[in-house]
């Protein structure tokens, strides 16, 4: 076995040696010369490239807050010799803008097309032909007014499926926002709203992204919140409850048959083990006077908890026997 491995290694060594012999070296040299010749031919040819130039606004004063953000980058199509663009192979270029140089009146930060074009030429070189710029200018608004904290109202229209129920209050990841405005805010400006969160047929707890309604000249922080809608399934439960006679006259006793009835209802799973000892089945003695028949008295369940769904009573009417004392 060792001799066989030795033979294989010797064969591989001979093949490598023959390749890097005279013919192999001449082939590699020819390949290298061809690549170099191709590079020299193409390096001086004109080419059109697309650049994503990052925009960096520097030296923003501490008392200044941007209300609308400038674009993070501009897309530039430019033509020049390939050699001129070699320095951008590894990474896209960046334009740095000094805030005070473009700070205008009326809370406006503005870099015109001409000014932006000059910055692009400084980066790409004066020999580059600029074909297109998008966007072709940079605008943003700012304020020196302090922000105000206001209440956030979440607008929602959400409903669970028939087999489920909302199991709690709809919650937002933030109940207030900071408002940055280029104008002084009115004294009664104390709340903002989200766009409507709409969902139906929910079968499980869900989280939605709600964006704050935009207002011209203002920025909100945060500009969106996560809205959690708690949903849990309903399960069926039954319970035996006693029959109580209402408006019974003195010296009169009314015996019901049966003395207990069974109620069936749907309830949220988390409340399945909860006791509802105050729930009773009521019959009204006055109905014997008002009704033409005395066969049975209808059963009314009171109080009915709000969390009960699809409540039924068995039996829904009962027989009785009146005793005079």
C-alpha atoms as a PDB file:
ATOM      1  CA  UNK A   1       0.000   0.000   0.000  1.00  0.00           C
ATOM      2  CA  UNK A   2       2.726   2.583   0.837  1.00  0.00           C
ATOM      3  CA  UNK A   3       4.466   1.807  -2.477  1.00  0.00           C
ATOM      4  CA  UNK A   4       1.243   2.479  -4.413  1.00  0.00           C
ATOM      5  CA  UNK A   5       0.810   5.922  -2.727  1.00  0.00           C
ATOM      6  CA  UNK A   6       4.446   6.710  -3.525  1.00  0.00           C
ATOM      7  CA  UNK A   7       3.868   5.870  -7.211  1.00  0.00           C
ATOM      8  CA  UNK A   8       0.815   8.169  -7.376  1.00  0.00           C
ATOM      9  CA  UNK A   9       2.707  11.108  -5.801  1.00  0.00           C
ATOM     10  CA  UNK A  10       5.637  10.555  -8.199  1.00  0.00           C
ATOM     11  CA  UNK A  11       3.252  10.611 -11.210  1.00  0.00           C
ATOM     12  CA  UNK A  12       1.638  13.883 -10.051  1.00  0.00           C
ATOM     13  CA  UNK A  13       5.078  15.438  -9.515  1.00  0.00           C
ATOM     14  CA  UNK A  14       6.166  14.478 -13.067  1.00  0.00           C
ATOM     15  CA  UNK A  15       3.039  16.021 -14.632  1.00  0.00           C
ATOM     16  CA  UNK A  16       3.477  19.298 -12.710  1.00  0.00           C
ATOM     17  CA  UNK A  17       7.143  19.391 -13.689  1.00  0.00           C
ATOM     18  CA  UNK A  18       6.365  18.829 -17.369  1.00  0.00           C
ATOM     19  CA  UNK A  19       3.798  21.644 -17.344  1.00  0.00           C
ATOM     20  CA  UNK A  20       6.211  24.127 -15.823  1.00  0.00           C
ATOM     21  CA  UNK A  21       8.883  23.033 -18.249  1.00  0.00           C
ATOM     22  CA  UNK A  22       9.616  24.965 -21.422  1.00  0.00           C
ATOM     23  CA  UNK A  23       6.142  24.717 -22.991  1.00  0.00           C
ATOM     24  CA  UNK A  24       4.320  25.544 -19.751  1.00  0.00           C
ATOM     25  CA  UNK A  25       6.438  28.611 -19.017  1.00  0.00           C
ATOM     26  CA  UNK A  26       5.997  29.906 -22.542  1.00  0.00           C
ATOM     27  CA  UNK A  27       2.228  29.500 -22.234  1.00  0.00           C
ATOM     28  CA  UNK A  28       2.089  31.393 -18.923  1.00  0.00           C
ATOM     29  CA  UNK A  29       4.289  34.167 -20.298  1.00  0.00           C
ATOM     30  CA  UNK A  30       2.092  34.544 -23.373  1.00  0.00           C
ATOM     31  CA  UNK A  31      -1.017  34.671 -21.184  1.00  0.00           C
ATOM     32  CA  UNK A  32       0.520  37.366 -18.988  1.00  0.00           C
ATOM     33  CA  UNK A  33       1.574  39.473 -21.985  1.00  0.00           C
ATOM     34  CA  UNK A  34      -1.901  39.173 -23.510  1.00  0.00           C
ATOM     35  CA  UNK A  35      -3.586  40.273 -20.293  1.00  0.00           C
ATOM     36  CA  UNK A  36      -1.227  43.242 -19.944  1.00  0.00           C
ATOM     37  CA  UNK A  37      -1.773  44.251 -23.584  1.00  0.00           C
ATOM     38  CA  UNK A  38      -5.585  44.043 -23.134  1.00  0.00           C
ATOM     39  CA  UNK A  39      -5.364  46.153 -19.974  1.00  0.00           C
ATOM     40  CA  UNK A  40      -3.286  48.858 -21.715  1.00  0.00           C
ATOM     41  CA  UNK A  41      -5.743  48.965 -24.605  1.00  0.00           C
ATOM     42  CA  UNK A  42      -8.872  49.301 -22.457  1.00  0.00           C
ATOM     43  CA  UNK A  43      -7.513  51.562 -19.719  1.00  0.00           C
ATOM     44  CA  UNK A  44      -7.567  54.606 -22.007  1.00  0.00           C
ATOM     45  CA  UNK A  45     -10.934  53.871 -23.579  1.00  0.00           C
ATOM     46  CA  UNK A  46     -13.909  56.004 -22.594  1.00  0.00           C
ATOM     47  CA  UNK A  47     -16.537  54.249 -20.504  1.00  0.00           C
ATOM     48  CA  UNK A  48     -19.844  55.207 -18.878  1.00  0.00           C
ATOM     49  CA  UNK A  49     -20.195  54.324 -15.199  1.00  0.00           C
ATOM     50  CA  UNK A  50     -22.924  54.738 -12.613  1.00  0.00           C
ATOM     51  CA  UNK A  51     -21.870  56.023  -9.196  1.00  0.00           C
ATOM     52  CA  UNK A  52     -23.826  56.140  -5.952  1.00  0.00           C
ATOM     53  CA  UNK A  53     -22.184  59.097  -4.243  1.00  0.00           C
ATOM     54  CA  UNK A  54     -22.852  59.281  -0.499  1.00  0.00           C
ATOM     55  CA  UNK A  55     -23.930  62.656   0.915  1.00  0.00           C
ATOM     56  CA  UNK A  56     -22.536  63.585   4.317  1.00  0.00           C
ATOM     57  CA  UNK A  57     -23.713  66.801   6.016  1.00  0.00           C
ATOM     58  CA  UNK A  58     -21.075  67.931   8.513  1.00  0.00           C
ATOM     59  CA  UNK A  59     -20.827  70.413  11.366  1.00  0.00           C
ATOM     60  CA  UNK A  60     -24.538  70.607  12.147  1.00  0.00           C
ATOM     61  CA  UNK A  61     -24.866  72.859  15.247  1.00  0.00           C
ATOM     62  CA  UNK A  62     -26.100  71.249  18.453  1.00  0.00           C
ATOM     63  CA  UNK A  63     -29.177  73.479  18.572  1.00  0.00           C
ATOM     64  CA  UNK A  64     -30.252  72.503  15.040  1.00  0.00           C
ATOM     65  CA  UNK A  65     -32.568  69.576  14.291  1.00  0.00           C
ATOM     66  CA  UNK A  66     -33.281  68.442  10.756  1.00  0.00           C
ATOM     67  CA  UNK A  67     -37.015  68.284  10.071  1.00  0.00           C
ATOM     68  CA  UNK A  68     -36.718  66.747   6.601  1.00  0.00           C
ATOM     69  CA  UNK A  69     -33.637  64.699   5.866  1.00  0.00           C
ATOM     70  CA  UNK A  70     -31.376  65.335   2.849  1.00  0.00           C
ATOM     71  CA  UNK A  71     -30.918  62.380   0.476  1.00  0.00           C
ATOM     72  CA  UNK A  72     -28.358  59.883   1.712  1.00  0.00           C
ATOM     73  CA  UNK A  73     -26.854  59.591  -1.777  1.00  0.00           C
ATOM     74  CA  UNK A  74     -27.084  60.863  -5.351  1.00  0.00           C
ATOM     75  CA  UNK A  75     -26.891  58.640  -8.415  1.00  0.00           C
ATOM     76  CA  UNK A  76     -24.554  59.964 -11.111  1.00  0.00           C
ATOM     77  CA  UNK A  77     -23.959  58.699 -14.651  1.00  0.00           C
ATOM     78  CA  UNK A  78     -20.552  59.889 -15.927  1.00  0.00           C
ATOM     79  CA  UNK A  79     -18.269  59.284 -18.916  1.00  0.00           C
ATOM     80  CA  UNK A  80     -14.461  59.318 -18.743  1.00  0.00           C
ATOM     81  CA  UNK A  81     -11.386  57.175 -19.358  1.00  0.00           C
ATOM     82  CA  UNK A  82     -11.432  53.887 -17.488  1.00  0.00           C
ATOM     83  CA  UNK A  83      -8.182  54.855 -15.788  1.00  0.00           C
ATOM     84  CA  UNK A  84      -9.912  57.823 -14.141  1.00  0.00           C
ATOM     85  CA  UNK A  85     -12.491  55.568 -12.511  1.00  0.00           C
ATOM     86  CA  UNK A  86     -10.067  52.938 -11.189  1.00  0.00           C
ATOM     87  CA  UNK A  87      -9.887  54.616  -7.785  1.00  0.00           C
ATOM     88  CA  UNK A  88     -13.633  53.969  -7.279  1.00  0.00           C
ATOM     89  CA  UNK A  89     -13.464  50.220  -7.872  1.00  0.00           C
ATOM     90  CA  UNK A  90     -13.213  49.398  -4.177  1.00  0.00           C
ATOM     91  CA  UNK A  91     -15.815  51.879  -2.898  1.00  0.00           C
ATOM     92  CA  UNK A  92     -18.147  54.623  -4.055  1.00  0.00           C
ATOM     93  CA  UNK A  93     -17.109  58.266  -3.532  1.00  0.00           C
ATOM     94  CA  UNK A  94     -18.466  60.610  -0.835  1.00  0.00           C
ATOM     95  CA  UNK A  95     -19.395  64.301  -0.881  1.00  0.00           C
ATOM     96  CA  UNK A  96     -19.081  66.191   2.419  1.00  0.00           C
ATOM     97  CA  UNK A  97     -21.214  69.322   2.804  1.00  0.00           C
ATOM     98  CA  UNK A  98     -20.604  71.898   5.509  1.00  0.00           C
ATOM     99  CA  UNK A  99     -23.960  72.816   7.060  1.00  0.00           C
ATOM    100  CA  UNK A 100     -23.272  76.551   7.460  1.00  0.00           C
ATOM    101  CA  UNK A 101     -22.263  76.906   3.795  1.00  0.00           C
ATOM    102  CA  UNK A 102     -25.752  75.984   2.587  1.00  0.00           C
ATOM    103  CA  UNK A 103     -27.888  77.198   5.483  1.00  0.00           C
ATOM    104  CA  UNK A 104     -30.479  79.567   3.980  1.00  0.00           C
ATOM    105  CA  UNK A 105     -33.291  81.679   5.378  1.00  0.00           C
ATOM    106  CA  UNK A 106     -36.694  80.198   6.306  1.00  0.00           C
ATOM    107  CA  UNK A 107     -35.163  77.094   7.893  1.00  0.00           C
ATOM    108  CA  UNK A 108     -33.914  75.810   4.534  1.00  0.00           C
ATOM    109  CA  UNK A 109     -30.753  73.845   3.786  1.00  0.00           C
ATOM    110  CA  UNK A 110     -30.255  73.999   0.020  1.00  0.00           C
ATOM    111  CA  UNK A 111     -27.538  72.843  -2.388  1.00  0.00           C
ATOM    112  CA  UNK A 112     -28.359  73.984  -5.921  1.00  0.00           C
ATOM    113  CA  UNK A 113     -27.743  71.921  -9.047  1.00  0.00           C
ATOM    114  CA  UNK A 114     -24.719  74.014  -9.973  1.00  0.00           C
ATOM    115  CA  UNK A 115     -23.214  73.686  -6.501  1.00  0.00           C
ATOM    116  CA  UNK A 116     -23.856  69.937  -6.447  1.00  0.00           C
ATOM    117  CA  UNK A 117     -22.349  69.571  -9.922  1.00  0.00           C
ATOM    118  CA  UNK A 118     -19.171  71.328  -8.760  1.00  0.00           C
ATOM    119  CA  UNK A 119     -18.856  68.912  -5.843  1.00  0.00           C
ATOM    120  CA  UNK A 120     -19.329  65.940  -8.181  1.00  0.00           C
ATOM    121  CA  UNK A 121     -16.604  67.248 -10.511  1.00  0.00           C
ATOM    122  CA  UNK A 122     -14.276  67.654  -7.518  1.00  0.00           C
ATOM    123  CA  UNK A 123     -14.818  63.980  -6.732  1.00  0.00           C
ATOM    124  CA  UNK A 124     -14.883  62.437 -10.209  1.00  0.00           C
ATOM    125  CA  UNK A 125     -12.461  64.851 -11.863  1.00  0.00           C
ATOM    126  CA  UNK A 126     -12.898  67.824 -14.193  1.00  0.00           C
ATOM    127  CA  UNK A 127     -12.415  65.659 -17.296  1.00  0.00           C
ATOM    128  CA  UNK A 128     -15.487  63.558 -16.501  1.00  0.00           C
ATOM    129  CA  UNK A 129     -18.607  64.276 -18.539  1.00  0.00           C
ATOM    130  CA  UNK A 130     -21.647  64.259 -16.249  1.00  0.00           C
ATOM    131  CA  UNK A 131     -24.570  62.674 -18.098  1.00  0.00           C
ATOM    132  CA  UNK A 132     -27.217  62.697 -15.351  1.00  0.00           C
ATOM    133  CA  UNK A 133     -27.686  63.430 -11.636  1.00  0.00           C
ATOM    134  CA  UNK A 134     -30.541  62.124  -9.508  1.00  0.00           C
ATOM    135  CA  UNK A 135     -31.583  64.023  -7.505  1.00  0.00           C
ATOM    136  CA  UNK A 136     -30.044  67.089  -9.161  1.00  0.00           C
ATOM    137  CA  UNK A 137     -30.158  69.245  -6.000  1.00  0.00           C
ATOM    138  CA  UNK A 138     -30.287  68.744  -2.242  1.00  0.00           C
ATOM    139  CA  UNK A 139     -32.928  70.286  -0.022  1.00  0.00           C
ATOM    140  CA  UNK A 140     -33.791  69.830   3.635  1.00  0.00           C
ATOM    141  CA  UNK A 141     -35.540  71.833   6.321  1.00  0.00           C
ATOM    142  CA  UNK A 142     -34.318  72.399   9.859  1.00  0.00           C
ATOM    143  CA  UNK A 143     -35.380  74.068  13.071  1.00  0.00           C
ATOM    144  CA  UNK A 144     -33.768  75.603  16.120  1.00  0.00           C
ATOM    145  CA  UNK A 145     -36.999  75.354  18.157  1.00  0.00           C
ATOM    146  CA  UNK A 146     -36.998  72.787  20.967  1.00  0.00           C
ATOM    147  CA  UNK A 147     -39.141  69.678  20.375  1.00  0.00           C
ATOM    148  CA  UNK A 148     -42.438  69.107  22.167  1.00  0.00           C
ATOM    149  CA  UNK A 149     -43.672  65.807  23.582  1.00  0.00           C
ATOM    150  CA  UNK A 150     -47.299  65.112  22.553  1.00  0.00           C
ATOM    151  CA  UNK A 151     -49.736  62.221  22.971  1.00  0.00           C
ATOM    152  CA  UNK A 152     -49.956  59.603  20.230  1.00  0.00           C
ATOM    153  CA  UNK A 153     -53.417  58.328  19.255  1.00  0.00           C
ATOM    154  CA  UNK A 154     -53.435  54.942  17.498  1.00  0.00           C
ATOM    155  CA  UNK A 155     -56.290  54.642  15.004  1.00  0.00           C
ATOM    156  CA  UNK A 156     -57.340  51.011  14.657  1.00  0.00           C
ATOM    157  CA  UNK A 157     -60.167  48.914  13.286  1.00  0.00           C
ATOM    158  CA  UNK A 158     -59.349  45.304  14.146  1.00  0.00           C
ATOM    159  CA  UNK A 159     -61.665  42.354  14.677  1.00  0.00           C
ATOM    160  CA  UNK A 160     -60.924  38.733  15.579  1.00  0.00           C
ATOM    161  CA  UNK A 161     -62.407  35.685  13.904  1.00  0.00           C
ATOM    162  CA  UNK A 162     -65.638  34.185  15.235  1.00  0.00           C
ATOM    163  CA  UNK A 163     -63.663  31.601  17.228  1.00  0.00           C
ATOM    164  CA  UNK A 164     -61.445  34.203  18.936  1.00  0.00           C
ATOM    165  CA  UNK A 165     -61.675  37.354  21.023  1.00  0.00           C
ATOM    166  CA  UNK A 166     -59.556  40.408  21.800  1.00  0.00           C
ATOM    167  CA  UNK A 167     -57.954  39.422  25.088  1.00  0.00           C
ATOM    168  CA  UNK A 168     -56.836  42.834  26.254  1.00  0.00           C
ATOM    169  CA  UNK A 169     -56.096  46.426  25.380  1.00  0.00           C
ATOM    170  CA  UNK A 170     -54.446  47.201  22.049  1.00  0.00           C
ATOM    171  CA  UNK A 171     -50.935  48.377  22.909  1.00  0.00           C
ATOM    172  CA  UNK A 172     -48.491  50.671  21.141  1.00  0.00           C
ATOM    173  CA  UNK A 173     -44.703  50.583  21.487  1.00  0.00           C
ATOM    174  CA  UNK A 174     -44.880  54.313  22.272  1.00  0.00           C
ATOM    175  CA  UNK A 175     -47.726  56.421  23.647  1.00  0.00           C
ATOM    176  CA  UNK A 176     -46.116  59.771  22.847  1.00  0.00           C
ATOM    177  CA  UNK A 177     -43.809  61.301  20.247  1.00  0.00           C
ATOM    178  CA  UNK A 178     -41.417  64.229  19.987  1.00  0.00           C
ATOM    179  CA  UNK A 179     -42.480  66.885  17.477  1.00  0.00           C
ATOM    180  CA  UNK A 180     -39.825  68.924  15.658  1.00  0.00           C
ATOM    181  CA  UNK A 181     -41.377  71.864  13.827  1.00  0.00           C
ATOM    182  CA  UNK A 182     -40.028  74.725  11.720  1.00  0.00           C
ATOM    183  CA  UNK A 183     -42.889  76.859  13.073  1.00  0.00           C
ATOM    184  CA  UNK A 184     -43.849  77.593  16.698  1.00  0.00           C
ATOM    185  CA  UNK A 185     -46.487  75.059  17.758  1.00  0.00           C
ATOM    186  CA  UNK A 186     -49.903  76.277  18.994  1.00  0.00           C
ATOM    187  CA  UNK A 187     -50.449  75.952  22.735  1.00  0.00           C
ATOM    188  CA  UNK A 188     -53.281  73.437  22.199  1.00  0.00           C
ATOM    189  CA  UNK A 189     -51.259  71.172  19.893  1.00  0.00           C
ATOM    190  CA  UNK A 190     -51.035  68.202  22.252  1.00  0.00           C
ATOM    191  CA  UNK A 191     -51.632  65.064  20.120  1.00  0.00           C
ATOM    192  CA  UNK A 192     -50.982  63.398  16.790  1.00  0.00           C
ATOM    193  CA  UNK A 193     -52.536  60.321  15.150  1.00  0.00           C
ATOM    194  CA  UNK A 194     -51.418  57.264  13.257  1.00  0.00           C
ATOM    195  CA  UNK A 195     -52.777  56.073   9.963  1.00  0.00           C
ATOM    196  CA  UNK A 196     -55.544  53.495  10.361  1.00  0.00           C
ATOM    197  CA  UNK A 197     -54.499  49.986  11.342  1.00  0.00           C
ATOM    198  CA  UNK A 198     -57.082  47.669   9.785  1.00  0.00           C
ATOM    199  CA  UNK A 199     -57.358  43.896  10.172  1.00  0.00           C
ATOM    200  CA  UNK A 200     -60.159  41.345  10.369  1.00  0.00           C
ATOM    201  CA  UNK A 201     -60.475  37.642  11.068  1.00  0.00           C
ATOM    202  CA  UNK A 202     -57.484  37.560  13.411  1.00  0.00           C
ATOM    203  CA  UNK A 203     -56.815  34.148  14.955  1.00  0.00           C
ATOM    204  CA  UNK A 204     -53.720  34.974  16.997  1.00  0.00           C
ATOM    205  CA  UNK A 205     -51.957  37.934  18.548  1.00  0.00           C
ATOM    206  CA  UNK A 206     -50.603  40.168  15.781  1.00  0.00           C
ATOM    207  CA  UNK A 207     -48.196  43.102  15.562  1.00  0.00           C
ATOM    208  CA  UNK A 208     -48.692  45.867  12.983  1.00  0.00           C
ATOM    209  CA  UNK A 209     -46.533  48.822  11.932  1.00  0.00           C
ATOM    210  CA  UNK A 210     -48.445  52.103  12.240  1.00  0.00           C
ATOM    211  CA  UNK A 211     -47.009  55.294  10.752  1.00  0.00           C
ATOM    212  CA  UNK A 212     -47.729  58.685  12.272  1.00  0.00           C
ATOM    213  CA  UNK A 213     -49.736  60.932   9.944  1.00  0.00           C
ATOM    214  CA  UNK A 214     -47.362  63.429   8.383  1.00  0.00           C
ATOM    215  CA  UNK A 215     -47.835  67.160   8.896  1.00  0.00           C
ATOM    216  CA  UNK A 216     -46.100  69.710   6.670  1.00  0.00           C
ATOM    217  CA  UNK A 217     -43.148  71.364   8.387  1.00  0.00           C
ATOM    218  CA  UNK A 218     -42.958  68.757  11.164  1.00  0.00           C
ATOM    219  CA  UNK A 219     -40.975  65.637  11.960  1.00  0.00           C
ATOM    220  CA  UNK A 220     -42.031  63.043  14.525  1.00  0.00           C
ATOM    221  CA  UNK A 221     -39.733  60.868  16.581  1.00  0.00           C
ATOM    222  CA  UNK A 222     -40.535  58.039  16.386  1.00  0.00           C
ATOM    223  CA  UNK A 223     -42.247  58.294  13.010  1.00  0.00           C
ATOM    224  CA  UNK A 224     -43.862  54.855  13.381  1.00  0.00           C
ATOM    225  CA  UNK A 225     -44.810  52.486  16.190  1.00  0.00           C
ATOM    226  CA  UNK A 226     -45.511  48.782  16.621  1.00  0.00           C
ATOM    227  CA  UNK A 227     -49.145  48.104  17.500  1.00  0.00           C
ATOM    228  CA  UNK A 228     -49.861  44.818  19.310  1.00  0.00           C
ATOM    229  CA  UNK A 229     -53.356  43.355  19.053  1.00  0.00           C
ATOM    230  CA  UNK A 230     -53.804  40.593  21.688  1.00  0.00           C
ATOM    231  CA  UNK A 231     -56.009  37.742  20.452  1.00  0.00           C
ATOM    232  CA  UNK A 232     -56.799  34.401  22.045  1.00  0.00           C
ATOM    233  CA  UNK A 233     -59.161  31.526  21.170  1.00  0.00           C
ATOM    234  CA  UNK A 234     -62.584  30.970  22.690  1.00  0.00           C
ATOM    235  CA  UNK A 235     -63.408  27.591  24.223  1.00  0.00           C
ATOM    236  CA  UNK A 236     -66.778  26.210  25.265  1.00  0.00           C
ATOM    237  CA  UNK A 237     -67.664  25.729  28.926  1.00  0.00           C
ATOM    238  CA  UNK A 238     -70.799  24.648  30.800  1.00  0.00           C
ATOM    239  CA  UNK A 239     -71.899  25.443  34.336  1.00  0.00           C
ATOM    240  CA  UNK A 240     -74.839  24.549  36.572  1.00  0.00           C
ATOM    241  CA  UNK A 241     -76.424  27.570  38.266  1.00  0.00           C
ATOM    242  CA  UNK A 242     -79.295  27.851  40.795  1.00  0.00           C
ATOM    243  CA  UNK A 243     -82.742  29.196  39.944  1.00  0.00           C
ATOM    244  CA  UNK A 244     -83.750  32.332  41.858  1.00  0.00           C
ATOM    245  CA  UNK A 245     -87.361  33.555  42.068  1.00  0.00           C
ATOM    246  CA  UNK A 246     -87.837  37.334  41.825  1.00  0.00           C
ATOM    247  CA  UNK A 247     -90.818  39.391  43.136  1.00  0.00           C
ATOM    248  CA  UNK A 248     -92.140  36.548  45.282  1.00  0.00           C
ATOM    249  CA  UNK A 249     -95.079  37.737  47.504  1.00  0.00           C
ATOM    250  CA  UNK A 250     -95.108  37.218  51.259  1.00  0.00           C
ATOM    251  CA  UNK A 251     -96.569  33.978  52.531  1.00  0.00           C
ATOM    252  CA  UNK A 252     -95.928  32.394  49.154  1.00  0.00           C
ATOM    253  CA  UNK A 253     -93.394  29.825  48.145  1.00  0.00           C
ATOM    254  CA  UNK A 254     -92.560  28.855  44.543  1.00  0.00           C
ATOM    255  CA  UNK A 255     -90.777  25.589  43.929  1.00  0.00           C
ATOM    256  CA  UNK A 256     -89.128  25.212  40.496  1.00  0.00           C
ATOM    257  CA  UNK A 257     -88.526  22.010  38.576  1.00  0.00           C
ATOM    258  CA  UNK A 258     -85.588  21.743  38.140  1.00  0.00           C
ATOM    259  CA  UNK A 259     -83.963  23.894  40.824  1.00  0.00           C
ATOM    260  CA  UNK A 260     -80.802  24.324  38.703  1.00  0.00           C
ATOM    261  CA  UNK A 261     -80.243  24.905  34.995  1.00  0.00           C
ATOM    262  CA  UNK A 262     -77.176  24.453  32.820  1.00  0.00           C
ATOM    263  CA  UNK A 263     -75.657  27.303  30.842  1.00  0.00           C
ATOM    264  CA  UNK A 264     -73.254  26.823  27.957  1.00  0.00           C
ATOM    265  CA  UNK A 265     -71.038  29.607  26.718  1.00  0.00           C
ATOM    266  CA  UNK A 266     -67.758  30.469  25.003  1.00  0.00           C
ATOM    267  CA  UNK A 267     -65.026  32.048  27.091  1.00  0.00           C
ATOM    268  CA  UNK A 268     -61.404  33.114  26.463  1.00  0.00           C
ATOM    269  CA  UNK A 269     -58.986  30.293  27.164  1.00  0.00           C
ATOM    270  CA  UNK A 270     -57.113  32.289  29.800  1.00  0.00           C
ATOM    271  CA  UNK A 271     -60.326  32.638  31.887  1.00  0.00           C
ATOM    272  CA  UNK A 272     -61.465  29.028  31.669  1.00  0.00           C
ATOM    273  CA  UNK A 273     -60.782  28.311  35.365  1.00  0.00           C
ATOM    274  CA  UNK A 274     -62.314  31.553  36.612  1.00  0.00           C
ATOM    275  CA  UNK A 275     -65.409  31.160  38.840  1.00  0.00           C
ATOM    276  CA  UNK A 276     -68.584  33.174  38.167  1.00  0.00           C
ATOM    277  CA  UNK A 277     -70.528  32.521  41.381  1.00  0.00           C
ATOM    278  CA  UNK A 278     -72.697  35.636  40.959  1.00  0.00           C
ATOM    279  CA  UNK A 279     -74.326  34.327  37.767  1.00  0.00           C
ATOM    280  CA  UNK A 280     -77.852  33.099  38.510  1.00  0.00           C
ATOM    281  CA  UNK A 281     -80.916  31.850  36.612  1.00  0.00           C
ATOM    282  CA  UNK A 282     -83.880  34.125  37.362  1.00  0.00           C
ATOM    283  CA  UNK A 283     -87.611  33.526  37.029  1.00  0.00           C
ATOM    284  CA  UNK A 284     -90.142  36.308  37.703  1.00  0.00           C
ATOM    285  CA  UNK A 285     -93.266  35.600  39.782  1.00  0.00           C
ATOM    286  CA  UNK A 286     -94.993  38.620  38.215  1.00  0.00           C
ATOM    287  CA  UNK A 287     -95.045  36.787  34.886  1.00  0.00           C
ATOM    288  CA  UNK A 288     -97.662  34.441  36.378  1.00  0.00           C
ATOM    289  CA  UNK A 289     -99.993  37.431  36.699  1.00  0.00           C
ATOM    290  CA  UNK A 290     -99.177  38.979  33.300  1.00  0.00           C
ATOM    291  CA  UNK A 291     -99.277  35.731  31.272  1.00  0.00           C
ATOM    292  CA  UNK A 292    -102.395  33.868  30.237  1.00  0.00           C
ATOM    293  CA  UNK A 293    -100.666  30.545  30.712  1.00  0.00           C
ATOM    294  CA  UNK A 294     -99.084  29.166  33.841  1.00  0.00           C
ATOM    295  CA  UNK A 295     -97.419  26.109  32.324  1.00  0.00           C
ATOM    296  CA  UNK A 296     -93.795  27.238  32.519  1.00  0.00           C
ATOM    297  CA  UNK A 297     -91.730  30.269  33.493  1.00  0.00           C
ATOM    298  CA  UNK A 298     -88.974  31.541  31.150  1.00  0.00           C
ATOM    299  CA  UNK A 299     -85.440  31.584  32.547  1.00  0.00           C
ATOM    300  CA  UNK A 300     -83.299  34.723  32.347  1.00  0.00           C
ATOM    301  CA  UNK A 301     -79.576  34.570  33.205  1.00  0.00           C
ATOM    302  CA  UNK A 302     -78.295  37.573  35.160  1.00  0.00           C
ATOM    303  CA  UNK A 303     -75.770  39.079  35.264  1.00  0.00           C
ATOM    304  CA  UNK A 304     -74.158  37.974  31.991  1.00  0.00           C
ATOM    305  CA  UNK A 305     -70.415  38.738  32.042  1.00  0.00           C
ATOM    306  CA  UNK A 306     -69.168  40.705  29.013  1.00  0.00           C
ATOM    307  CA  UNK A 307     -66.653  37.987  28.197  1.00  0.00           C
ATOM    308  CA  UNK A 308     -69.392  35.374  27.672  1.00  0.00           C
ATOM    309  CA  UNK A 309     -70.195  34.576  24.035  1.00  0.00           C
ATOM    310  CA  UNK A 310     -72.967  32.463  22.483  1.00  0.00           C
ATOM    311  CA  UNK A 311     -74.782  31.857  25.797  1.00  0.00           C
ATOM    312  CA  UNK A 312     -77.505  29.172  25.900  1.00  0.00           C
ATOM    313  CA  UNK A 313     -79.666  27.892  28.803  1.00  0.00           C
ATOM    314  CA  UNK A 314     -80.941  24.345  29.260  1.00  0.00           C
ATOM    315  CA  UNK A 315     -83.812  24.246  29.937  1.00  0.00           C
ATOM    316  CA  UNK A 316     -84.822  27.767  28.928  1.00  0.00           C
ATOM    317  CA  UNK A 317     -88.145  27.515  30.767  1.00  0.00           C
ATOM    318  CA  UNK A 318     -89.114  25.567  33.870  1.00  0.00           C
ATOM    319  CA  UNK A 319     -92.155  24.160  35.611  1.00  0.00           C
ATOM    320  CA  UNK A 320     -93.118  25.252  39.098  1.00  0.00           C
ATOM    321  CA  UNK A 321     -95.340  24.609  42.105  1.00  0.00           C
ATOM    322  CA  UNK A 322     -96.860  27.383  44.241  1.00  0.00           C
ATOM    323  CA  UNK A 323     -97.279  26.896  47.998  1.00  0.00           C
ATOM    324  CA  UNK A 324     -99.253  29.248  50.257  1.00  0.00           C
ATOM    325  CA  UNK A 325     -98.045  29.611  53.822  1.00  0.00           C
END
